[in-house]
C-alpha atoms as a PDB file:
ATOM      1  CA  MET A   1     243.042 119.671  17.830  1.00  0.00           C
ATOM      2  CA  PRO A   2     242.826 122.446  20.411  1.00  0.00           C
ATOM      3  CA  LYS A   3     240.920 121.925  23.641  1.00  0.00           C
ATOM      4  CA  LEU A   4     237.413 123.297  23.793  1.00  0.00           C
ATOM      5  CA  ALA A   5     237.390 126.176  26.226  1.00  0.00           C
ATOM      6  CA  PRO A   6     234.104 127.589  27.538  1.00  0.00           C
ATOM      7  CA  LYS A   7     234.677 130.697  25.417  1.00  0.00           C
ATOM      8  CA  THR A   8     235.068 128.588  22.259  1.00  0.00           C
ATOM      9  CA  ILE A   9     231.942 126.579  23.046  1.00  0.00           C
ATOM     10  CA  GLY A  10     230.037 129.834  23.577  1.00  0.00           C
ATOM     11  CA  LEU A  11     231.236 131.229  20.264  1.00  0.00           C
ATOM     12  CA  ILE A  12     230.226 128.048  18.437  1.00  0.00           C
ATOM     13  CA  ALA A  13     226.795 128.146  20.080  1.00  0.00           C
ATOM     14  CA  ALA A  14     226.374 131.829  19.191  1.00  0.00           C
ATOM     15  CA  ALA A  15     227.387 131.143  15.579  1.00  0.00           C
ATOM     16  CA  GLY A  16     224.896 128.271  15.380  1.00  0.00           C
ATOM     17  CA  PHE A  17     222.119 130.442  16.811  1.00  0.00           C
ATOM     18  CA  ALA A  18     222.966 133.251  14.371  1.00  0.00           C
ATOM     19  CA  ALA A  19     222.896 130.776  11.471  1.00  0.00           C
ATOM     20  CA  ILE A  20     219.435 129.557  12.514  1.00  0.00           C
ATOM     21  CA  VAL A  21     218.121 133.125  12.824  1.00  0.00           C
ATOM     22  CA  VAL A  22     219.520 134.135   9.423  1.00  0.00           C
ATOM     23  CA  ALA A  23     218.102 130.997   7.801  1.00  0.00           C
ATOM     24  CA  GLY A  24     214.688 131.750   9.274  1.00  0.00           C
ATOM     25  CA  LEU A  25     214.762 135.358   8.103  1.00  0.00           C
ATOM     26  CA  LEU A  26     215.834 134.368   4.603  1.00  0.00           C
ATOM     27  CA  SER A  27     213.103 131.726   4.509  1.00  0.00           C
ATOM     28  CA  MET A  28     210.451 134.262   5.449  1.00  0.00           C
ATOM     29  CA  ILE A  29     211.770 136.853   2.982  1.00  0.00           C
ATOM     30  CA  THR A  30     211.957 134.443   0.055  1.00  0.00           C
ATOM     31  CA  SER A  31     208.558 132.877   0.681  1.00  0.00           C
ATOM     32  CA  THR A  32     206.502 135.969   1.549  1.00  0.00           C
ATOM     33  CA  THR A  33     208.175 138.865  -0.237  1.00  0.00           C
ATOM     34  CA  LEU A  34     209.677 137.216  -3.291  1.00  0.00           C
ATOM     35  CA  GLY A  35     207.149 134.392  -3.603  1.00  0.00           C
ATOM     36  CA  PHE A  36     209.653 131.587  -4.160  1.00  0.00           C
ATOM     37  CA  SER A  37     208.699 128.062  -3.184  1.00  0.00           C
ATOM     38  CA  GLY A  38     210.738 126.089  -0.696  1.00  0.00           C
ATOM     39  CA  GLU A  39     211.913 123.750  -3.427  1.00  0.00           C
ATOM     40  CA  ALA A  40     213.205 126.631  -5.559  1.00  0.00           C
ATOM     41  CA  VAL A  41     215.107 128.077  -2.609  1.00  0.00           C
ATOM     42  CA  ARG A  42     216.673 124.687  -1.788  1.00  0.00           C
ATOM     43  CA  GLU A  43     217.697 124.188  -5.417  1.00  0.00           C
ATOM     44  CA  GLY A  44     219.287 127.631  -5.551  1.00  0.00           C
ATOM     45  CA  ALA A  45     221.106 127.076  -2.275  1.00  0.00           C
ATOM     46  CA  LEU A  46     222.503 123.759  -3.507  1.00  0.00           C
ATOM     47  CA  ASN A  47     223.704 125.444  -6.698  1.00  0.00           C
ATOM     48  CA  VAL A  48     225.481 128.161  -4.732  1.00  0.00           C
ATOM     49  CA  VAL A  49     227.085 125.650  -2.368  1.00  0.00           C
ATOM     50  CA  SER A  50     228.332 123.518  -5.251  1.00  0.00           C
ATOM     51  CA  LEU A  51     229.864 126.597  -6.896  1.00  0.00           C
ATOM     52  CA  VAL A  52     231.636 127.544  -3.656  1.00  0.00           C
ATOM     53  CA  VAL A  53     233.014 124.019  -3.216  1.00  0.00           C
ATOM     54  CA  ALA A  54     234.189 123.953  -6.827  1.00  0.00           C
ATOM     55  CA  PHE A  55     235.907 127.319  -6.367  1.00  0.00           C
ATOM     56  CA  LEU A  56     237.651 126.124  -3.209  1.00  0.00           C
ATOM     57  CA  LEU A  57     238.839 122.979  -4.963  1.00  0.00           C
ATOM     58  CA  VAL A  58     240.169 124.931  -7.933  1.00  0.00           C
ATOM     59  CA  ALA A  59     241.788 127.547  -5.691  1.00  0.00           C
ATOM     60  CA  GLY A  60     243.610 124.790  -3.851  1.00  0.00           C
ATOM     61  CA  ILE A  61     242.300 125.460  -0.373  1.00  0.00           C
ATOM     62  CA  GLY A  62     243.557 122.806   1.977  1.00  0.00           C
ATOM     63  CA  ARG A  63     246.895 122.239   0.309  1.00  0.00           C
ATOM     64  CA  GLN A  64     249.795 122.311   2.692  1.00  0.00           C
ATOM     65  CA  GLN A  65     252.315 125.033   2.042  1.00  0.00           C
ATOM     66  CA  LYS A  66     255.942 124.805   3.029  1.00  0.00           C
ATOM     67  CA  ASP A  67     257.145 127.183   5.722  1.00  0.00           C
ATOM     68  CA  LYS A  68     259.091 130.169   4.452  1.00  0.00           C
ATOM     69  CA  SER A  69     261.698 130.197   7.210  1.00  0.00           C
END
């Protein structure tokens, strides 16, 4: 595992902050504009996440490939 440099820590913190901001915006949009309940949004998000994980498993992400040297 690579060492955590200050730049890497900053990027991780910025990505976390961006994720929180996007989640808040999507929450406001879905509840006020579209009128979805929190439970419906959570259920939809879980469905999307499970589809992504299933796709990654079927696509074989994480399998080690032999070097072509």
